[in-house]
C-alpha atoms as a PDB file:
ATOM      1  CA  MET A   1      85.810 -60.923 -82.137  1.00  0.00           C
ATOM      2  CA  GLU A   2      82.537 -61.497 -80.319  1.00  0.00           C
ATOM      3  CA  GLY A   3      80.124 -58.694 -79.553  1.00  0.00           C
ATOM      4  CA  ILE A   4      79.290 -57.595 -76.028  1.00  0.00           C
ATOM      5  CA  VAL A   5      75.857 -56.312 -75.020  1.00  0.00           C
ATOM      6  CA  ALA A   6      75.403 -54.144 -71.908  1.00  0.00           C
ATOM      7  CA  ARG A   7      72.123 -53.014 -70.395  1.00  0.00           C
ATOM      8  CA  TRP A   8      71.622 -51.631 -66.879  1.00  0.00           C
ATOM      9  CA  ASN A   9      73.771 -53.926 -64.656  1.00  0.00           C
ATOM     10  CA  PHE A  10      73.891 -56.809 -67.115  1.00  0.00           C
ATOM     11  CA  ILE A  11      76.618 -57.677 -69.599  1.00  0.00           C
ATOM     12  CA  GLY A  12      76.264 -60.530 -72.050  1.00  0.00           C
ATOM     13  CA  ARG A  13      77.072 -61.781 -75.516  1.00  0.00           C
ATOM     14  CA  SER A  14      73.536 -61.402 -76.864  1.00  0.00           C
ATOM     15  CA  ARG A  15      70.204 -59.708 -76.287  1.00  0.00           C
ATOM     16  CA  GLN A  16      68.861 -63.083 -75.160  1.00  0.00           C
ATOM     17  CA  GLY A  17      71.571 -63.242 -72.491  1.00  0.00           C
ATOM     18  CA  ILE A  18      70.556 -59.804 -71.208  1.00  0.00           C
ATOM     19  CA  GLU A  19      66.891 -60.776 -71.183  1.00  0.00           C
ATOM     20  CA  GLN A  20      67.705 -63.966 -69.257  1.00  0.00           C
ATOM     21  CA  GLY A  21      69.800 -62.005 -66.746  1.00  0.00           C
ATOM     22  CA  ARG A  22      66.922 -59.578 -66.207  1.00  0.00           C
ATOM     23  CA  LYS A  23      64.475 -62.446 -65.726  1.00  0.00           C
ATOM     24  CA  ASP A  24      66.800 -64.162 -63.241  1.00  0.00           C
ATOM     25  CA  TRP A  25      67.282 -60.890 -61.315  1.00  0.00           C
ATOM     26  CA  MET A  26      63.554 -60.189 -61.134  1.00  0.00           C
ATOM     27  CA  GLU A  27      62.809 -63.752 -59.969  1.00  0.00           C
ATOM     28  CA  GLY A  28      65.679 -63.760 -57.467  1.00  0.00           C
ATOM     29  CA  THR A  29      66.982 -67.086 -58.784  1.00  0.00           C
ATOM     30  CA  ARG A  30      70.579 -66.387 -59.760  1.00  0.00           C
ATOM     31  CA  PHE A  31      72.271 -63.390 -58.195  1.00  0.00           C
ATOM     32  CA  GLY A  32      71.915 -64.004 -54.469  1.00  0.00           C
ATOM     33  CA  GLU A  33      71.087 -61.632 -51.653  1.00  0.00           C
ATOM     34  CA  VAL A  34      72.381 -58.093 -51.230  1.00  0.00           C
ATOM     35  CA  HIS A  35      73.471 -57.845 -47.593  1.00  0.00           C
ATOM     36  CA  GLY A  36      73.224 -54.516 -45.780  1.00  0.00           C
ATOM     37  CA  TYR A  37      70.503 -53.061 -48.009  1.00  0.00           C
ATOM     38  CA  GLY A  38      67.165 -52.710 -46.212  1.00  0.00           C
ATOM     39  CA  GLY A  39      64.968 -51.612 -49.095  1.00  0.00           C
ATOM     40  CA  ALA A  40      62.951 -53.558 -51.611  1.00  0.00           C
ATOM     41  CA  PRO A  41      64.899 -55.140 -54.484  1.00  0.00           C
ATOM     42  CA  LEU A  42      65.505 -52.760 -57.375  1.00  0.00           C
ATOM     43  CA  ARG A  43      63.527 -53.546 -60.486  1.00  0.00           C
ATOM     44  CA  ALA A  44      65.572 -54.065 -63.607  1.00  0.00           C
ATOM     45  CA  PRO A  45      64.315 -51.918 -66.492  1.00  0.00           C
ATOM     46  CA  GLU A  46      62.643 -53.579 -69.448  1.00  0.00           C
ATOM     47  CA  VAL A  47      64.864 -54.244 -72.453  1.00  0.00           C
ATOM     48  CA  PRO A  48      63.608 -51.978 -75.267  1.00  0.00           C
ATOM     49  CA  PRO A  49      62.311 -53.874 -78.311  1.00  0.00           C
ATOM     50  CA  LEU A  50      64.986 -52.580 -80.697  1.00  0.00           C
ATOM     51  CA  SER A  51      67.878 -52.223 -78.262  1.00  0.00           C
ATOM     52  CA  ARG A  52      71.082 -53.370 -79.927  1.00  0.00           C
ATOM     53  CA  GLY A  53      73.543 -52.034 -77.389  1.00  0.00           C
ATOM     54  CA  ARG A  54      76.818 -50.339 -78.207  1.00  0.00           C
ATOM     55  CA  VAL A  55      79.119 -52.035 -80.679  1.00  0.00           C
ATOM     56  CA  ARG A  56      82.848 -51.568 -80.083  1.00  0.00           C
END
């Protein structure tokens, strides 16, 4: 069984996947536009250095 890592609005199979998702979100390169929201894009929180996520 593979592990799942979740952080903020990102779910992945590794910490590296979460970090890449955060980078893509912050750069606006992967997730598209949020229609109907007039504010500035939300900033994704930094991934803590020792964050391992919840293991189930």
